């Protein structure tokens, strides 16, 4: 395989990868800026609290069941953050095993790429792609789980409000959601109820829920509950208003997604036209493109086109990712 063809294959991968990451993800997903605000909020609350930092009881249970050497690996730097990320996805993976799998895939892919292509940069590209695959799966599962949770949340809040009006205490409403709804909201609320049942106060249990599902809607629910616990008020009425606000936000999100659909389709078309044209030319006039691929000047043009296309896709992604 010639160097030019290898560059072209890499260009196809990078373009499709950027398209999938930038355009196939939900337009109204929580942005990095919103996640950073939530993370900073939790950090401020923890620093103001004299108790130990929030730790999921599920995470504590996992650590107790591990062998001593596994427990030490799980407590290495950055492993706690990765474990929290995996927990948010709902997958039952241990963080050190994910890292080991990533390393093994990278080594195997690099070795295979070197055997097949015999060019110095092929193992690097293959290793980076293979190492990222486990984290891509976790990230996709996390995004899907959080989106499903948010879809269930308004109905769950309505159920909590009705239960409070009927005279049930707040922890009982959490247990009710865990019994009557489906996952993921059932497991998260049941875990929050168990957190309270095992001795934590409502404040820490609700903040634990926010740390596991770090979204704006959950922050609104947690804030309402904590403010009501400290200052009093009609929690059922507050929950009813929050439910209405969340439904309105979802309605606006769907409208934004509909209005931006044309832009996403345009991005796909603009990005894929060069590759479709390349394939058509290879089939109809196979002698037309070898000069571009094999010549050093043509290879530089291909690299420049790849860089320009990547910048364009990232720019379109920035335009289409509208924060509501």
C-alpha atoms as a PDB file:
ATOM      1  CA  UNK A   1       0.000   0.000   0.000  1.00  0.00           C
ATOM      2  CA  UNK A   2       1.413   3.387  -1.023  1.00  0.00           C
ATOM      3  CA  UNK A   3       1.933   6.242   1.410  1.00  0.00           C
ATOM      4  CA  UNK A   4      -0.634   8.338  -0.419  1.00  0.00           C
ATOM      5  CA  UNK A   5      -3.308   5.672  -0.087  1.00  0.00           C
ATOM      6  CA  UNK A   6      -2.496   5.306   3.604  1.00  0.00           C
ATOM      7  CA  UNK A   7      -2.867   9.059   4.084  1.00  0.00           C
ATOM      8  CA  UNK A   8      -6.188   8.946   2.290  1.00  0.00           C
ATOM      9  CA  UNK A   9      -7.462   6.125   4.523  1.00  0.00           C
ATOM     10  CA  UNK A  10      -6.404   8.046   7.630  1.00  0.00           C
ATOM     11  CA  UNK A  11      -8.183  11.121   6.271  1.00  0.00           C
ATOM     12  CA  UNK A  12     -11.402   9.128   5.802  1.00  0.00           C
ATOM     13  CA  UNK A  13     -11.213   7.822   9.368  1.00  0.00           C
ATOM     14  CA  UNK A  14     -10.543  11.226  10.928  1.00  0.00           C
ATOM     15  CA  UNK A  15     -13.362  12.860   8.990  1.00  0.00           C
ATOM     16  CA  UNK A  16     -15.947  10.186   9.798  1.00  0.00           C
ATOM     17  CA  UNK A  17     -14.814  10.091  13.441  1.00  0.00           C
ATOM     18  CA  UNK A  18     -15.241  13.851  13.807  1.00  0.00           C
ATOM     19  CA  UNK A  19     -18.627  13.686  12.124  1.00  0.00           C
ATOM     20  CA  UNK A  20     -19.855  10.952  14.450  1.00  0.00           C
ATOM     21  CA  UNK A  21     -18.500  12.667  17.559  1.00  0.00           C
ATOM     22  CA  UNK A  22     -19.660  16.126  16.596  1.00  0.00           C
ATOM     23  CA  UNK A  23     -22.936  15.583  14.783  1.00  0.00           C
ATOM     24  CA  UNK A  24     -24.366  12.208  15.757  1.00  0.00           C
ATOM     25  CA  UNK A  25     -24.354  13.096  19.461  1.00  0.00           C
ATOM     26  CA  UNK A  26     -27.472  14.808  20.844  1.00  0.00           C
ATOM     27  CA  UNK A  27     -27.501  18.518  20.126  1.00  0.00           C
ATOM     28  CA  UNK A  28     -28.959  19.271  23.536  1.00  0.00           C
ATOM     29  CA  UNK A  29     -26.570  17.086  25.546  1.00  0.00           C
ATOM     30  CA  UNK A  30     -24.909  18.636  28.547  1.00  0.00           C
ATOM     31  CA  UNK A  31     -22.012  20.725  27.272  1.00  0.00           C
ATOM     32  CA  UNK A  32     -18.532  20.589  28.739  1.00  0.00           C
ATOM     33  CA  UNK A  33     -19.102  24.059  30.171  1.00  0.00           C
ATOM     34  CA  UNK A  34     -22.238  22.923  32.026  1.00  0.00           C
ATOM     35  CA  UNK A  35     -20.491  19.810  33.337  1.00  0.00           C
ATOM     36  CA  UNK A  36     -17.617  21.956  34.571  1.00  0.00           C
ATOM     37  CA  UNK A  37     -20.032  24.232  36.456  1.00  0.00           C
ATOM     38  CA  UNK A  38     -21.657  21.215  38.111  1.00  0.00           C
ATOM     39  CA  UNK A  39     -18.265  19.775  39.034  1.00  0.00           C
ATOM     40  CA  UNK A  40     -17.157  23.071  40.549  1.00  0.00           C
ATOM     41  CA  UNK A  41     -20.432  23.302  42.471  1.00  0.00           C
ATOM     42  CA  UNK A  42     -19.914  19.862  43.986  1.00  0.00           C
ATOM     43  CA  UNK A  43     -16.306  20.715  44.835  1.00  0.00           C
ATOM     44  CA  UNK A  44     -17.406  23.908  46.609  1.00  0.00           C
ATOM     45  CA  UNK A  45     -19.999  22.002  48.626  1.00  0.00           C
ATOM     46  CA  UNK A  46     -17.480  19.332  49.597  1.00  0.00           C
ATOM     47  CA  UNK A  47     -14.860  21.885  50.656  1.00  0.00           C
ATOM     48  CA  UNK A  48     -17.440  23.683  52.781  1.00  0.00           C
ATOM     49  CA  UNK A  49     -18.423  20.421  54.433  1.00  0.00           C
ATOM     50  CA  UNK A  50     -16.278  19.038  57.254  1.00  0.00           C
ATOM     51  CA  UNK A  51     -17.272  15.459  56.456  1.00  0.00           C
ATOM     52  CA  UNK A  52     -15.384  13.279  53.993  1.00  0.00           C
ATOM     53  CA  UNK A  53     -15.947  13.722  50.272  1.00  0.00           C
ATOM     54  CA  UNK A  54     -18.945  12.098  48.641  1.00  0.00           C
ATOM     55  CA  UNK A  55     -18.442   8.450  47.840  1.00  0.00           C
ATOM     56  CA  UNK A  56     -20.987   6.170  46.284  1.00  0.00           C
ATOM     57  CA  UNK A  57     -22.066   3.307  48.510  1.00  0.00           C
ATOM     58  CA  UNK A  58     -22.022   1.189  45.369  1.00  0.00           C
ATOM     59  CA  UNK A  59     -18.370   2.126  44.842  1.00  0.00           C
ATOM     60  CA  UNK A  60     -17.549   1.314  48.477  1.00  0.00           C
ATOM     61  CA  UNK A  61     -19.223  -2.080  48.088  1.00  0.00           C
ATOM     62  CA  UNK A  62     -17.169  -2.823  44.957  1.00  0.00           C
ATOM     63  CA  UNK A  63     -13.918  -1.950  46.729  1.00  0.00           C
ATOM     64  CA  UNK A  64     -14.724  -4.202  49.693  1.00  0.00           C
ATOM     65  CA  UNK A  65     -15.328  -7.159  47.365  1.00  0.00           C
ATOM     66  CA  UNK A  66     -12.005  -6.778  45.509  1.00  0.00           C
ATOM     67  CA  UNK A  67      -8.769  -8.538  46.274  1.00  0.00           C
ATOM     68  CA  UNK A  68      -6.201  -6.371  48.116  1.00  0.00           C
ATOM     69  CA  UNK A  69      -4.011  -5.897  45.022  1.00  0.00           C
ATOM     70  CA  UNK A  70      -7.055  -4.949  42.933  1.00  0.00           C
ATOM     71  CA  UNK A  71      -8.106  -2.472  45.602  1.00  0.00           C
ATOM     72  CA  UNK A  72      -4.680  -0.845  45.417  1.00  0.00           C
ATOM     73  CA  UNK A  73      -4.920  -0.545  41.621  1.00  0.00           C
ATOM     74  CA  UNK A  74      -8.374   1.008  41.903  1.00  0.00           C
ATOM     75  CA  UNK A  75      -6.981   3.665  44.244  1.00  0.00           C
ATOM     76  CA  UNK A  76      -4.209   4.804  41.904  1.00  0.00           C
ATOM     77  CA  UNK A  77      -4.270   8.464  40.752  1.00  0.00           C
ATOM     78  CA  UNK A  78      -7.013   9.194  38.190  1.00  0.00           C
ATOM     79  CA  UNK A  79      -8.647   5.805  38.815  1.00  0.00           C
ATOM     80  CA  UNK A  80     -11.299   7.338  41.090  1.00  0.00           C
ATOM     81  CA  UNK A  81     -12.337   9.780  38.361  1.00  0.00           C
ATOM     82  CA  UNK A  82     -12.462   6.987  35.774  1.00  0.00           C
ATOM     83  CA  UNK A  83     -14.442   4.798  38.184  1.00  0.00           C
ATOM     84  CA  UNK A  84     -16.987   7.593  38.677  1.00  0.00           C
ATOM     85  CA  UNK A  85     -17.266   7.987  34.897  1.00  0.00           C
ATOM     86  CA  UNK A  86     -17.858   4.243  34.491  1.00  0.00           C
ATOM     87  CA  UNK A  87     -20.427   4.264  37.299  1.00  0.00           C
ATOM     88  CA  UNK A  88     -22.343   7.022  35.506  1.00  0.00           C
ATOM     89  CA  UNK A  89     -22.522   4.793  32.420  1.00  0.00           C
ATOM     90  CA  UNK A  90     -24.187   1.990  34.381  1.00  0.00           C
ATOM     91  CA  UNK A  91     -21.576  -0.535  33.224  1.00  0.00           C
ATOM     92  CA  UNK A  92     -20.100  -2.963  35.749  1.00  0.00           C
ATOM     93  CA  UNK A  93     -16.465  -2.457  34.771  1.00  0.00           C
ATOM     94  CA  UNK A  94     -13.496  -1.925  37.058  1.00  0.00           C
ATOM     95  CA  UNK A  95     -11.410   1.070  36.078  1.00  0.00           C
ATOM     96  CA  UNK A  96      -8.032  -0.687  36.171  1.00  0.00           C
ATOM     97  CA  UNK A  97      -9.373  -3.415  33.871  1.00  0.00           C
ATOM     98  CA  UNK A  98     -10.559  -0.800  31.386  1.00  0.00           C
ATOM     99  CA  UNK A  99      -7.079   0.751  31.359  1.00  0.00           C
ATOM    100  CA  UNK A 100      -5.450  -2.676  30.929  1.00  0.00           C
ATOM    101  CA  UNK A 101      -7.831  -3.525  28.073  1.00  0.00           C
ATOM    102  CA  UNK A 102      -7.023  -0.208  26.413  1.00  0.00           C
ATOM    103  CA  UNK A 103      -3.280  -0.896  26.639  1.00  0.00           C
ATOM    104  CA  UNK A 104      -3.656  -4.453  25.303  1.00  0.00           C
ATOM    105  CA  UNK A 105      -5.781  -3.296  22.361  1.00  0.00           C
ATOM    106  CA  UNK A 106      -3.249  -0.574  21.557  1.00  0.00           C
ATOM    107  CA  UNK A 107      -0.344  -3.054  21.537  1.00  0.00           C
ATOM    108  CA  UNK A 108      -2.190  -5.612  19.397  1.00  0.00           C
ATOM    109  CA  UNK A 109      -3.393  -2.971  16.939  1.00  0.00           C
ATOM    110  CA  UNK A 110       0.070  -1.414  16.627  1.00  0.00           C
ATOM    111  CA  UNK A 111       1.669  -4.814  16.029  1.00  0.00           C
ATOM    112  CA  UNK A 112      -0.933  -5.741  13.415  1.00  0.00           C
ATOM    113  CA  UNK A 113      -0.644  -2.392  11.635  1.00  0.00           C
ATOM    114  CA  UNK A 114       3.144  -2.722  11.429  1.00  0.00           C
ATOM    115  CA  UNK A 115       2.912  -6.242   9.972  1.00  0.00           C
ATOM    116  CA  UNK A 116       0.348  -5.206   7.351  1.00  0.00           C
ATOM    117  CA  UNK A 117       1.567  -1.738   6.295  1.00  0.00           C
ATOM    118  CA  UNK A 118       5.260  -1.493   7.257  1.00  0.00           C
ATOM    119  CA  UNK A 119       5.200   2.300   7.634  1.00  0.00           C
ATOM    120  CA  UNK A 120       6.296   4.038  10.829  1.00  0.00           C
ATOM    121  CA  UNK A 121       3.124   6.039  11.474  1.00  0.00           C
ATOM    122  CA  UNK A 122       0.653   3.175  10.935  1.00  0.00           C
ATOM    123  CA  UNK A 123       1.247   1.586  14.398  1.00  0.00           C
ATOM    124  CA  UNK A 124       0.843   4.985  16.071  1.00  0.00           C
ATOM    125  CA  UNK A 125      -2.493   5.678  14.379  1.00  0.00           C
ATOM    126  CA  UNK A 126      -3.750   2.129  15.014  1.00  0.00           C
ATOM    127  CA  UNK A 127      -2.677   2.200  18.673  1.00  0.00           C
ATOM    128  CA  UNK A 128      -4.400   5.529  19.360  1.00  0.00           C
ATOM    129  CA  UNK A 129      -7.629   4.362  17.712  1.00  0.00           C
ATOM    130  CA  UNK A 130      -7.650   0.993  19.499  1.00  0.00           C
ATOM    131  CA  UNK A 131      -6.810   2.507  22.891  1.00  0.00           C
ATOM    132  CA  UNK A 132      -9.726   4.904  22.599  1.00  0.00           C
ATOM    133  CA  UNK A 133     -12.336   2.218  21.795  1.00  0.00           C
ATOM    134  CA  UNK A 134     -13.136   1.119  25.405  1.00  0.00           C
ATOM    135  CA  UNK A 135     -13.531   4.729  26.505  1.00  0.00           C
ATOM    136  CA  UNK A 136     -15.726   5.455  23.484  1.00  0.00           C
ATOM    137  CA  UNK A 137     -18.028   2.590  24.485  1.00  0.00           C
ATOM    138  CA  UNK A 138     -18.222   3.853  28.077  1.00  0.00           C
ATOM    139  CA  UNK A 139     -18.843   7.428  26.952  1.00  0.00           C
ATOM    140  CA  UNK A 140     -21.615   6.326  24.591  1.00  0.00           C
ATOM    141  CA  UNK A 141     -23.287   4.216  27.299  1.00  0.00           C
ATOM    142  CA  UNK A 142     -23.016   7.112  29.766  1.00  0.00           C
ATOM    143  CA  UNK A 143     -24.601   9.610  27.376  1.00  0.00           C
ATOM    144  CA  UNK A 144     -27.440   7.204  26.558  1.00  0.00           C
ATOM    145  CA  UNK A 145     -28.094   6.404  30.221  1.00  0.00           C
ATOM    146  CA  UNK A 146     -28.142  10.050  31.306  1.00  0.00           C
ATOM    147  CA  UNK A 147     -30.467  10.952  28.412  1.00  0.00           C
ATOM    148  CA  UNK A 148     -32.859   8.151  29.431  1.00  0.00           C
ATOM    149  CA  UNK A 149     -32.715   9.284  33.065  1.00  0.00           C
ATOM    150  CA  UNK A 150     -33.636  12.843  32.108  1.00  0.00           C
ATOM    151  CA  UNK A 151     -36.560  11.619  30.004  1.00  0.00           C
ATOM    152  CA  UNK A 152     -37.907   9.728  33.028  1.00  0.00           C
ATOM    153  CA  UNK A 153     -37.275  12.526  35.518  1.00  0.00           C
ATOM    154  CA  UNK A 154     -40.410  14.714  34.974  1.00  0.00           C
ATOM    155  CA  UNK A 155     -42.759  11.753  35.520  1.00  0.00           C
ATOM    156  CA  UNK A 156     -40.758  10.698  38.573  1.00  0.00           C
ATOM    157  CA  UNK A 157     -40.967  14.212  40.048  1.00  0.00           C
ATOM    158  CA  UNK A 158     -44.736  14.254  39.464  1.00  0.00           C
ATOM    159  CA  UNK A 159     -45.025  10.920  41.284  1.00  0.00           C
ATOM    160  CA  UNK A 160     -42.960  12.267  44.180  1.00  0.00           C
ATOM    161  CA  UNK A 161     -45.199  15.342  44.404  1.00  0.00           C
ATOM    162  CA  UNK A 162     -48.367  13.233  44.530  1.00  0.00           C
ATOM    163  CA  UNK A 163     -46.840  10.966  47.183  1.00  0.00           C
ATOM    164  CA  UNK A 164     -45.877  13.973  49.324  1.00  0.00           C
ATOM    165  CA  UNK A 165     -49.418  15.343  49.075  1.00  0.00           C
ATOM    166  CA  UNK A 166     -50.707  11.943  50.194  1.00  0.00           C
ATOM    167  CA  UNK A 167     -48.621  12.233  53.361  1.00  0.00           C
ATOM    168  CA  UNK A 168     -45.601  10.056  52.558  1.00  0.00           C
ATOM    169  CA  UNK A 169     -42.205  11.198  53.908  1.00  0.00           C
ATOM    170  CA  UNK A 170     -39.583  12.246  51.382  1.00  0.00           C
ATOM    171  CA  UNK A 171     -37.380   9.096  51.673  1.00  0.00           C
ATOM    172  CA  UNK A 172     -40.467   6.951  51.017  1.00  0.00           C
ATOM    173  CA  UNK A 173     -41.051   8.795  47.731  1.00  0.00           C
ATOM    174  CA  UNK A 174     -37.535   7.844  46.631  1.00  0.00           C
ATOM    175  CA  UNK A 175     -38.248   4.206  47.423  1.00  0.00           C
ATOM    176  CA  UNK A 176     -41.525   4.474  45.504  1.00  0.00           C
ATOM    177  CA  UNK A 177     -39.686   5.659  42.379  1.00  0.00           C
ATOM    178  CA  UNK A 178     -37.245   2.774  42.728  1.00  0.00           C
ATOM    179  CA  UNK A 179     -40.112   0.271  42.839  1.00  0.00           C
ATOM    180  CA  UNK A 180     -42.479   1.701  40.208  1.00  0.00           C
ATOM    181  CA  UNK A 181     -40.133   2.998  37.493  1.00  0.00           C
ATOM    182  CA  UNK A 182     -37.633   1.323  35.207  1.00  0.00           C
ATOM    183  CA  UNK A 183     -33.875   1.766  35.094  1.00  0.00           C
ATOM    184  CA  UNK A 184     -31.858   3.917  35.133  1.00  0.00           C
ATOM    185  CA  UNK A 185     -33.957   6.225  37.318  1.00  0.00           C
ATOM    186  CA  UNK A 186     -35.211   3.321  39.443  1.00  0.00           C
ATOM    187  CA  UNK A 187     -31.719   2.148  40.375  1.00  0.00           C
ATOM    188  CA  UNK A 188     -30.456   5.690  41.044  1.00  0.00           C
ATOM    189  CA  UNK A 189     -33.367   6.662  43.299  1.00  0.00           C
ATOM    190  CA  UNK A 190     -33.239   3.281  45.037  1.00  0.00           C
ATOM    191  CA  UNK A 191     -29.524   3.838  45.654  1.00  0.00           C
ATOM    192  CA  UNK A 192     -30.287   7.299  47.053  1.00  0.00           C
ATOM    193  CA  UNK A 193     -32.933   5.799  49.353  1.00  0.00           C
ATOM    194  CA  UNK A 194     -30.451   3.153  50.482  1.00  0.00           C
ATOM    195  CA  UNK A 195     -27.895   5.882  51.151  1.00  0.00           C
ATOM    196  CA  UNK A 196     -30.367   7.584  53.522  1.00  0.00           C
ATOM    197  CA  UNK A 197     -31.383   4.247  55.020  1.00  0.00           C
ATOM    198  CA  UNK A 198     -27.765   3.384  55.841  1.00  0.00           C
ATOM    199  CA  UNK A 199     -27.294   6.516  57.929  1.00  0.00           C
ATOM    200  CA  UNK A 200     -26.483   9.403  55.588  1.00  0.00           C
ATOM    201  CA  UNK A 201     -28.638  12.498  55.823  1.00  0.00           C
ATOM    202  CA  UNK A 202     -30.862  13.649  52.967  1.00  0.00           C
ATOM    203  CA  UNK A 203     -28.420  16.382  51.995  1.00  0.00           C
ATOM    204  CA  UNK A 204     -25.494  14.057  51.361  1.00  0.00           C
ATOM    205  CA  UNK A 205     -27.672  11.434  49.689  1.00  0.00           C
ATOM    206  CA  UNK A 206     -29.101  13.969  47.221  1.00  0.00           C
ATOM    207  CA  UNK A 207     -25.664  15.406  46.516  1.00  0.00           C
ATOM    208  CA  UNK A 208     -24.514  11.847  45.859  1.00  0.00           C
ATOM    209  CA  UNK A 209     -27.302  11.545  43.276  1.00  0.00           C
ATOM    210  CA  UNK A 210     -26.064  14.745  41.635  1.00  0.00           C
ATOM    211  CA  UNK A 211     -22.495  13.428  41.525  1.00  0.00           C
ATOM    212  CA  UNK A 212     -23.694  10.254  39.760  1.00  0.00           C
ATOM    213  CA  UNK A 213     -26.016  12.097  37.327  1.00  0.00           C
ATOM    214  CA  UNK A 214     -24.339  15.491  36.813  1.00  0.00           C
ATOM    215  CA  UNK A 215     -26.974  17.342  34.787  1.00  0.00           C
ATOM    216  CA  UNK A 216     -28.727  20.686  35.080  1.00  0.00           C
ATOM    217  CA  UNK A 217     -32.136  19.065  35.645  1.00  0.00           C
ATOM    218  CA  UNK A 218     -30.892  16.899  38.517  1.00  0.00           C
ATOM    219  CA  UNK A 219     -29.150  19.931  40.011  1.00  0.00           C
ATOM    220  CA  UNK A 220     -32.503  21.769  39.956  1.00  0.00           C
ATOM    221  CA  UNK A 221     -34.188  18.872  41.784  1.00  0.00           C
ATOM    222  CA  UNK A 222     -31.409  18.539  44.359  1.00  0.00           C
ATOM    223  CA  UNK A 223     -31.288  22.287  44.985  1.00  0.00           C
ATOM    224  CA  UNK A 224     -35.055  22.428  45.528  1.00  0.00           C
ATOM    225  CA  UNK A 225     -34.972  19.570  48.032  1.00  0.00           C
ATOM    226  CA  UNK A 226     -32.005  20.986  49.959  1.00  0.00           C
ATOM    227  CA  UNK A 227     -33.434  24.501  50.116  1.00  0.00           C
ATOM    228  CA  UNK A 228     -36.780  23.149  51.329  1.00  0.00           C
ATOM    229  CA  UNK A 229     -35.066  21.072  54.019  1.00  0.00           C
ATOM    230  CA  UNK A 230     -33.212  24.123  55.313  1.00  0.00           C
ATOM    231  CA  UNK A 231     -35.834  26.859  54.981  1.00  0.00           C
ATOM    232  CA  UNK A 232     -39.132  24.965  54.841  1.00  0.00           C
ATOM    233  CA  UNK A 233     -41.967  25.323  52.361  1.00  0.00           C
ATOM    234  CA  UNK A 234     -44.315  23.177  50.321  1.00  0.00           C
ATOM    235  CA  UNK A 235     -42.002  20.671  48.625  1.00  0.00           C
ATOM    236  CA  UNK A 236     -44.835  19.125  46.592  1.00  0.00           C
ATOM    237  CA  UNK A 237     -45.637  22.487  45.011  1.00  0.00           C
ATOM    238  CA  UNK A 238     -41.949  23.165  44.346  1.00  0.00           C
ATOM    239  CA  UNK A 239     -41.556  19.793  42.643  1.00  0.00           C
ATOM    240  CA  UNK A 240     -44.596  20.486  40.477  1.00  0.00           C
ATOM    241  CA  UNK A 241     -43.015  23.714  39.232  1.00  0.00           C
ATOM    242  CA  UNK A 242     -39.675  22.027  38.605  1.00  0.00           C
ATOM    243  CA  UNK A 243     -41.405  19.323  36.583  1.00  0.00           C
ATOM    244  CA  UNK A 244     -43.094  21.969  34.434  1.00  0.00           C
ATOM    245  CA  UNK A 245     -39.765  23.748  33.860  1.00  0.00           C
ATOM    246  CA  UNK A 246     -38.021  20.499  32.889  1.00  0.00           C
ATOM    247  CA  UNK A 247     -40.794  19.598  30.440  1.00  0.00           C
ATOM    248  CA  UNK A 248     -40.523  23.051  28.895  1.00  0.00           C
ATOM    249  CA  UNK A 249     -36.767  22.613  28.553  1.00  0.00           C
ATOM    250  CA  UNK A 250     -37.215  19.271  26.804  1.00  0.00           C
ATOM    251  CA  UNK A 251     -39.752  20.835  24.450  1.00  0.00           C
ATOM    252  CA  UNK A 252     -37.286  23.577  23.552  1.00  0.00           C
ATOM    253  CA  UNK A 253     -34.514  20.996  23.146  1.00  0.00           C
ATOM    254  CA  UNK A 254     -36.586  19.018  20.645  1.00  0.00           C
ATOM    255  CA  UNK A 255     -37.326  22.213  18.724  1.00  0.00           C
ATOM    256  CA  UNK A 256     -33.622  23.087  18.628  1.00  0.00           C
ATOM    257  CA  UNK A 257     -32.786  19.586  17.406  1.00  0.00           C
ATOM    258  CA  UNK A 258     -35.379  19.852  14.636  1.00  0.00           C
ATOM    259  CA  UNK A 259     -34.164  23.263  13.499  1.00  0.00           C
ATOM    260  CA  UNK A 260     -30.521  22.135  13.476  1.00  0.00           C
ATOM    261  CA  UNK A 261     -31.203  18.896  11.561  1.00  0.00           C
ATOM    262  CA  UNK A 262     -30.610  20.627   8.223  1.00  0.00           C
ATOM    263  CA  UNK A 263     -27.236  21.887   9.418  1.00  0.00           C
ATOM    264  CA  UNK A 264     -26.165  18.404  10.519  1.00  0.00           C
ATOM    265  CA  UNK A 265     -27.206  16.928   7.188  1.00  0.00           C
ATOM    266  CA  UNK A 266     -25.317  19.669   5.339  1.00  0.00           C
ATOM    267  CA  UNK A 267     -22.212  18.869   7.364  1.00  0.00           C
ATOM    268  CA  UNK A 268     -22.442  15.180   6.440  1.00  0.00           C
ATOM    269  CA  UNK A 269     -22.857  16.035   2.756  1.00  0.00           C
ATOM    270  CA  UNK A 270     -20.003  18.550   2.682  1.00  0.00           C
ATOM    271  CA  UNK A 271     -17.651  16.180   4.492  1.00  0.00           C
ATOM    272  CA  UNK A 272     -18.448  13.047   2.482  1.00  0.00           C
ATOM    273  CA  UNK A 273     -18.618  14.525  -1.047  1.00  0.00           C
ATOM    274  CA  UNK A 274     -14.797  14.455  -1.566  1.00  0.00           C
ATOM    275  CA  UNK A 275     -14.603  10.775  -0.613  1.00  0.00           C
ATOM    276  CA  UNK A 276     -17.575   9.788  -2.756  1.00  0.00           C
ATOM    277  CA  UNK A 277     -16.043  11.682  -5.673  1.00  0.00           C
ATOM    278  CA  UNK A 278     -12.722   9.920  -5.053  1.00  0.00           C
ATOM    279  CA  UNK A 279     -14.381   6.482  -5.228  1.00  0.00           C
ATOM    280  CA  UNK A 280     -16.315   7.417  -8.374  1.00  0.00           C
ATOM    281  CA  UNK A 281     -13.136   8.596 -10.096  1.00  0.00           C
ATOM    282  CA  UNK A 282     -11.275   5.432  -9.055  1.00  0.00           C
ATOM    283  CA  UNK A 283     -14.015   3.321 -10.646  1.00  0.00           C
ATOM    284  CA  UNK A 284     -14.632   5.332 -13.810  1.00  0.00           C
ATOM    285  CA  UNK A 285     -11.095   6.602 -14.556  1.00  0.00           C
ATOM    286  CA  UNK A 286      -8.581   4.590 -12.513  1.00  0.00           C
ATOM    287  CA  UNK A 287      -5.597   6.272 -14.222  1.00  0.00           C
ATOM    288  CA  UNK A 288      -6.646   9.755 -13.140  1.00  0.00           C
ATOM    289  CA  UNK A 289      -5.756   9.756  -9.429  1.00  0.00           C
ATOM    290  CA  UNK A 290      -2.471   7.812  -9.021  1.00  0.00           C
ATOM    291  CA  UNK A 291      -0.459  10.953  -9.786  1.00  0.00           C
ATOM    292  CA  UNK A 292      -2.148  12.814  -6.942  1.00  0.00           C
ATOM    293  CA  UNK A 293      -1.686   9.928  -4.516  1.00  0.00           C
ATOM    294  CA  UNK A 294       1.919   8.987  -5.327  1.00  0.00           C
ATOM    295  CA  UNK A 295       3.404  12.423  -5.974  1.00  0.00           C
ATOM    296  CA  UNK A 296       4.861  14.243  -2.952  1.00  0.00           C
ATOM    297  CA  UNK A 297       3.032  17.443  -3.859  1.00  0.00           C
ATOM    298  CA  UNK A 298      -0.243  15.564  -4.123  1.00  0.00           C
ATOM    299  CA  UNK A 299       0.293  14.010  -0.706  1.00  0.00           C
ATOM    300  CA  UNK A 300       0.832  17.467   0.779  1.00  0.00           C
ATOM    301  CA  UNK A 301      -2.418  18.584  -0.842  1.00  0.00           C
ATOM    302  CA  UNK A 302      -4.232  15.605   0.674  1.00  0.00           C
ATOM    303  CA  UNK A 303      -2.853  16.389   4.135  1.00  0.00           C
ATOM    304  CA  UNK A 304      -3.842  20.038   3.759  1.00  0.00           C
ATOM    305  CA  UNK A 305      -7.337  19.010   2.697  1.00  0.00           C
ATOM    306  CA  UNK A 306      -7.625  16.716   5.710  1.00  0.00           C
ATOM    307  CA  UNK A 307      -6.613  19.507   8.077  1.00  0.00           C
ATOM    308  CA  UNK A 308      -9.042  21.949   6.453  1.00  0.00           C
ATOM    309  CA  UNK A 309     -11.884  19.414   6.556  1.00  0.00           C
ATOM    310  CA  UNK A 310     -11.210  18.685  10.236  1.00  0.00           C
ATOM    311  CA  UNK A 311     -11.257  22.384  11.104  1.00  0.00           C
ATOM    312  CA  UNK A 312     -14.501  22.818   9.171  1.00  0.00           C
ATOM    313  CA  UNK A 313     -16.191  19.903  10.934  1.00  0.00           C
ATOM    314  CA  UNK A 314     -15.117  21.159  14.356  1.00  0.00           C
ATOM    315  CA  UNK A 315     -16.422  24.611  13.476  1.00  0.00           C
ATOM    316  CA  UNK A 316     -19.777  23.202  12.337  1.00  0.00           C
ATOM    317  CA  UNK A 317     -19.930  21.166  15.551  1.00  0.00           C
ATOM    318  CA  UNK A 318     -19.393  24.310  17.614  1.00  0.00           C
ATOM    319  CA  UNK A 319     -22.190  26.089  15.738  1.00  0.00           C
ATOM    320  CA  UNK A 320     -24.664  23.213  16.074  1.00  0.00           C
ATOM    321  CA  UNK A 321     -24.082  22.378  19.750  1.00  0.00           C
ATOM    322  CA  UNK A 322     -26.588  24.788  21.232  1.00  0.00           C
ATOM    323  CA  UNK A 323     -26.765  24.883  25.032  1.00  0.00           C
ATOM    324  CA  UNK A 324     -30.298  25.201  26.407  1.00  0.00           C
END
